[in-house]
């Protein structure tokens, strides 16, 4: 970490993006080679859980719960409703679960 021009800067990875803090404390991202900045974290900087969450939040599919308590899924683009989880949401959920399981400490065998 180093200071530069009033904002905190984190060393870049191979993707070329750097994280900064604006004078008012908000985080933003800058890509020097492209000369672009963004308020939202670029996909190249996201870990698997963040990518999964981004995929879910940008999907046309949303999960709802019926009055009976059963979950259902609605696609706002196609106006389709179904009881089974759509493949794109299942893939994102599976990826997040796998990452969570991989990051848990191993159980002690002693």
Protein backbone atom coordinates (compact mmCIF):
# COMPACT_ATOMS: atom_id res chain seq x y z
CA UNK A 1 0.00 0.00 0.00
CA UNK A 2 1.21 3.48 -0.73
CA UNK A 3 -0.19 6.96 -0.66
CA UNK A 4 -0.67 8.87 -3.86
CA UNK A 5 -2.44 12.15 -4.50
CA UNK A 6 -4.70 12.17 -1.46
CA UNK A 7 -6.05 8.65 -1.95
CA UNK A 8 -4.91 5.27 -0.69
CA UNK A 9 -3.64 2.99 -3.44
CA UNK A 10 -3.32 -0.79 -3.40
CA UNK A 11 -0.62 -2.43 -5.54
CA UNK A 12 -1.99 -3.61 -8.90
CA UNK A 13 -2.33 -7.27 -9.83
CA UNK A 14 -1.77 -8.55 -13.36
CA UNK A 15 -5.18 -7.23 -14.41
CA UNK A 16 -4.01 -3.58 -14.36
CA UNK A 17 -6.66 -2.22 -11.96
CA UNK A 18 -5.77 -0.40 -8.75
CA UNK A 19 -8.04 0.42 -5.82
CA UNK A 20 -8.17 3.99 -4.50
CA UNK A 21 -10.08 6.06 -1.97
CA UNK A 22 -11.62 9.35 -3.05
CA UNK A 23 -11.24 12.40 -0.77
CA UNK A 24 -14.72 11.68 0.62
CA UNK A 25 -13.73 8.09 1.48
CA UNK A 26 -15.50 6.21 -1.30
CA UNK A 27 -13.63 3.36 -2.99
CA UNK A 28 -13.01 3.57 -6.72
CA UNK A 29 -10.94 1.60 -9.21
CA UNK A 30 -8.53 2.88 -11.85
CA UNK A 31 -6.96 1.17 -14.87
CA UNK A 32 -3.91 3.19 -15.89
CA UNK A 33 -3.36 1.58 -19.32
CA UNK A 34 -6.98 2.12 -20.35
CA UNK A 35 -7.26 5.49 -18.60
CA UNK A 36 -10.62 4.55 -17.09
CA UNK A 37 -12.01 4.60 -13.58
CA UNK A 38 -15.06 2.91 -12.07
CA UNK A 39 -17.01 3.06 -8.81
CA UNK A 40 -17.95 -0.62 -9.06
CA UNK A 41 -15.29 -3.28 -8.53
CA UNK A 42 -14.15 -4.65 -11.90
CA UNK A 43 -14.73 -8.39 -12.42
CA UNK A 44 -10.96 -8.87 -12.80
CA UNK A 45 -10.54 -7.88 -9.12
CA UNK A 46 -13.37 -10.03 -7.73
CA UNK A 47 -12.92 -13.32 -5.95
CA UNK A 48 -15.18 -16.30 -6.72
CA UNK A 49 -17.78 -15.37 -4.10
CA UNK A 50 -17.99 -11.80 -5.40
CA UNK A 51 -18.32 -13.03 -8.99
CA UNK A 52 -21.11 -15.39 -7.93
CA UNK A 53 -22.92 -12.60 -6.10
CA UNK A 54 -22.52 -10.32 -9.12
CA UNK A 55 -23.88 -13.03 -11.41
CA UNK A 56 -26.90 -13.50 -9.16
CA UNK A 57 -27.56 -9.78 -8.77
CA UNK A 58 -27.35 -9.10 -12.52
CA UNK A 59 -29.40 -12.14 -13.53
CA UNK A 60 -32.92 -11.66 -14.86
CA UNK A 61 -33.89 -14.51 -12.51
CA UNK A 62 -34.89 -13.62 -8.94
CA UNK A 63 -35.85 -15.93 -6.09
CA UNK A 64 -39.14 -15.37 -4.24
CA UNK A 65 -41.01 -17.23 -1.53
CA UNK A 66 -44.67 -18.17 -1.94
CA UNK A 67 -47.14 -17.75 0.95
CA UNK A 68 -46.75 -21.51 1.55
CA UNK A 69 -43.02 -20.99 2.16
CA UNK A 70 -41.95 -22.72 -1.07
CA UNK A 71 -39.33 -20.91 -3.15
CA UNK A 72 -40.02 -20.02 -6.79
CA UNK A 73 -38.11 -18.17 -9.50
CA UNK A 74 -39.21 -15.37 -11.81
CA UNK A 75 -37.40 -14.14 -14.92
CA UNK A 76 -38.14 -10.44 -15.47
CA UNK A 77 -36.92 -10.55 -19.09
CA UNK A 78 -39.05 -13.49 -20.27
CA UNK A 79 -41.81 -13.12 -17.62
CA UNK A 80 -41.35 -16.84 -16.85
CA UNK A 81 -42.06 -18.33 -13.43
CA UNK A 82 -40.83 -21.74 -12.30
CA UNK A 83 -40.39 -23.80 -9.13
CA UNK A 84 -36.94 -25.20 -9.94
CA UNK A 85 -33.80 -23.09 -9.59
CA UNK A 86 -32.58 -21.88 -13.01
CA UNK A 87 -29.17 -23.27 -14.06
CA UNK A 88 -27.44 -19.85 -13.97
CA UNK A 89 -28.52 -19.24 -10.35
CA UNK A 90 -27.64 -22.83 -9.39
CA UNK A 91 -24.14 -22.47 -10.89
CA UNK A 92 -23.55 -19.21 -9.01
CA UNK A 93 -24.86 -20.69 -5.75
CA UNK A 94 -22.73 -23.84 -6.18
CA UNK A 95 -19.62 -21.74 -6.85
CA UNK A 96 -20.24 -19.65 -3.72
CA UNK A 97 -20.81 -22.80 -1.62
CA UNK A 98 -17.64 -24.44 -2.94
CA UNK A 99 -15.62 -21.32 -2.15
CA UNK A 100 -17.09 -21.14 1.35
CA UNK A 101 -16.28 -24.81 1.96
CA UNK A 102 -12.74 -24.37 0.66
CA UNK A 103 -12.10 -21.41 2.93
CA UNK A 104 -13.26 -23.18 6.14
CA UNK A 105 -10.43 -24.35 8.40
CA UNK A 106 -9.76 -28.10 8.27
CA UNK A 107 -11.20 -30.09 11.15
CA UNK A 108 -8.66 -31.25 13.68
CA UNK A 109 -7.99 -35.00 13.67
CA UNK A 110 -6.42 -34.98 17.14
